[in-house]
């Protein structure tokens, strides 16, 4: 059946998976088996339904060592974060431009498998945020 104007595309979840695989390859991983550790993030402004472009993002190791300082691109993504060693790490987002209540958001996560791609997205609105383990 053909898609009509204004109708959502069929298989939308699969489109997102393809996008995640593109992010993964851009970050240094490979699609399918034989991947190597890579890290990416994506920030969406849930209040507007648009990417949060230009936000500062810092990757920090558990010992406090700053591993990277980046900004989200026009699509709200950071694809070129360095691959962190296994262990606990933090992504610290400067969210003051989007949220008057949460000037920064810190997401702490654990890297356990050196053969995985880690995608750590942030869904942000002025008075709430959430995250999940992406693919």
Protein backbone atom coordinates (compact mmCIF):
# COMPACT_ATOMS: atom_id res chain seq x y z
CA UNK A 1 0.00 0.00 0.00
CA UNK A 2 1.41 3.45 -0.91
CA UNK A 3 2.02 6.12 1.69
CA UNK A 4 -0.14 9.23 1.35
CA UNK A 5 0.74 12.79 2.35
CA UNK A 6 0.47 13.33 6.09
CA UNK A 7 0.49 9.59 6.83
CA UNK A 8 3.35 8.21 8.92
CA UNK A 9 5.82 5.95 7.15
CA UNK A 10 5.42 2.24 7.79
CA UNK A 11 8.22 0.54 9.71
CA UNK A 12 9.31 3.74 11.45
CA UNK A 13 11.13 1.84 14.17
CA UNK A 14 13.26 0.18 11.54
CA UNK A 15 14.15 3.59 10.10
CA UNK A 16 15.43 4.60 13.56
CA UNK A 17 17.49 1.42 13.75
CA UNK A 18 19.08 2.23 10.38
CA UNK A 19 19.85 5.72 11.66
CA UNK A 20 21.45 4.28 14.80
CA UNK A 21 23.59 1.94 12.68
CA UNK A 22 24.74 4.95 10.60
CA UNK A 23 25.65 6.77 13.83
CA UNK A 24 27.46 3.66 15.00
CA UNK A 25 29.54 3.39 11.83
CA UNK A 26 30.28 7.14 11.91
CA UNK A 27 31.50 6.74 15.49
CA UNK A 28 33.99 4.05 14.47
CA UNK A 29 31.95 0.87 14.85
CA UNK A 30 30.79 -1.55 12.20
CA UNK A 31 27.29 -2.78 11.45
CA UNK A 32 26.78 -6.42 12.40
CA UNK A 33 29.41 -8.57 14.13
CA UNK A 34 32.96 -7.55 14.91
CA UNK A 35 32.10 -4.15 16.34
CA UNK A 36 34.41 -2.10 18.46
CA UNK A 37 33.59 0.11 21.42
CA UNK A 38 32.10 3.45 20.38
CA UNK A 39 29.96 6.10 22.06
CA UNK A 40 27.37 8.57 20.76
CA UNK A 41 24.59 10.71 22.17
CA UNK A 42 21.52 12.51 20.86
CA UNK A 43 19.56 15.30 22.58
CA UNK A 44 15.94 15.94 21.69
CA UNK A 45 13.92 18.88 22.98
CA UNK A 46 10.70 17.07 23.90
CA UNK A 47 8.81 20.38 24.30
CA UNK A 48 9.36 21.36 20.67
CA UNK A 49 9.88 17.94 19.11
CA UNK A 50 13.13 19.19 17.58
CA UNK A 51 16.81 18.33 18.07
CA UNK A 52 18.65 20.36 20.70
CA UNK A 53 21.43 21.83 18.57
CA UNK A 54 24.49 23.53 20.02
CA UNK A 55 24.36 22.08 23.54
CA UNK A 56 27.70 21.53 25.26
CA UNK A 57 28.35 17.90 26.21
CA UNK A 58 31.24 16.70 28.36
CA UNK A 59 32.40 13.09 28.75
CA UNK A 60 34.01 12.44 32.13
CA UNK A 61 35.59 9.28 33.56
CA UNK A 62 34.73 8.06 37.07
CA UNK A 63 37.96 9.59 38.43
CA UNK A 64 36.88 13.03 37.17
CA UNK A 65 39.19 13.11 34.16
CA UNK A 66 37.59 15.01 31.26
CA UNK A 67 37.74 12.79 28.18
CA UNK A 68 35.97 15.11 25.71
CA UNK A 69 34.13 18.40 25.31
CA UNK A 70 31.76 18.57 22.34
CA UNK A 71 28.63 20.37 21.09
CA UNK A 72 25.56 18.77 19.59
CA UNK A 73 25.26 19.23 15.82
CA UNK A 74 22.20 20.59 13.98
CA UNK A 75 20.54 17.17 14.43
CA UNK A 76 21.19 17.24 18.21
CA UNK A 77 23.84 14.51 17.92
CA UNK A 78 27.42 14.02 19.03
CA UNK A 79 28.89 11.20 16.98
CA UNK A 80 32.62 11.62 17.57
CA UNK A 81 33.01 10.96 21.28
CA UNK A 82 36.11 8.94 22.11
CA UNK A 83 35.58 5.28 23.01
CA UNK A 84 35.85 5.14 26.80
CA UNK A 85 37.52 2.25 28.60
CA UNK A 86 35.26 -0.18 30.46
CA UNK A 87 34.02 1.35 33.71
CA UNK A 88 31.73 4.12 34.94
CA UNK A 89 31.50 7.35 32.95
CA UNK A 90 29.37 10.48 32.88
CA UNK A 91 27.92 12.57 30.12
CA UNK A 92 27.27 16.09 31.41
CA UNK A 93 24.92 18.19 29.29
CA UNK A 94 24.70 22.00 29.58
CA UNK A 95 20.91 22.24 29.33
CA UNK A 96 20.26 25.78 30.62
CA UNK A 97 19.20 26.98 27.16
CA UNK A 98 16.37 24.42 27.10
CA UNK A 99 15.48 24.04 30.78
CA UNK A 100 15.34 26.82 33.36
CA UNK A 101 14.92 24.15 36.06
CA UNK A 102 17.75 21.78 35.04
CA UNK A 103 20.79 23.87 34.05
CA UNK A 104 22.83 20.67 33.68
CA UNK A 105 21.90 17.02 33.32
CA UNK A 106 24.38 14.30 34.23
CA UNK A 107 23.90 10.77 32.97
CA UNK A 108 26.13 8.19 34.61
CA UNK A 109 26.51 4.89 32.76
CA UNK A 110 28.70 1.80 32.84
CA UNK A 111 30.70 0.51 29.89
CA UNK A 112 31.07 -3.26 30.26
CA UNK A 113 31.72 -4.66 26.79
CA UNK A 114 34.54 -3.43 24.55
CA UNK A 115 32.74 -4.87 21.49
CA UNK A 116 29.59 -2.77 21.89
CA UNK A 117 28.34 0.56 20.64
CA UNK A 118 26.92 2.71 23.45
CA UNK A 119 24.29 5.28 22.48
CA UNK A 120 23.12 7.43 25.40
CA UNK A 121 20.26 9.73 24.30
CA UNK A 122 18.68 12.51 26.35
CA UNK A 123 15.03 13.54 25.97
CA UNK A 124 14.70 16.99 27.52
CA UNK A 125 11.90 19.43 28.27
CA UNK A 126 11.85 22.46 30.58
CA UNK A 127 10.75 20.50 33.67
CA UNK A 128 11.64 16.88 32.96
CA UNK A 129 14.14 14.63 31.24
CA UNK A 130 14.67 10.95 30.55
CA UNK A 131 17.26 8.69 29.01
CA UNK A 132 17.63 5.11 27.93
CA UNK A 133 20.22 2.73 26.48
CA UNK A 134 19.98 3.28 22.75
CA UNK A 135 21.37 1.14 19.98
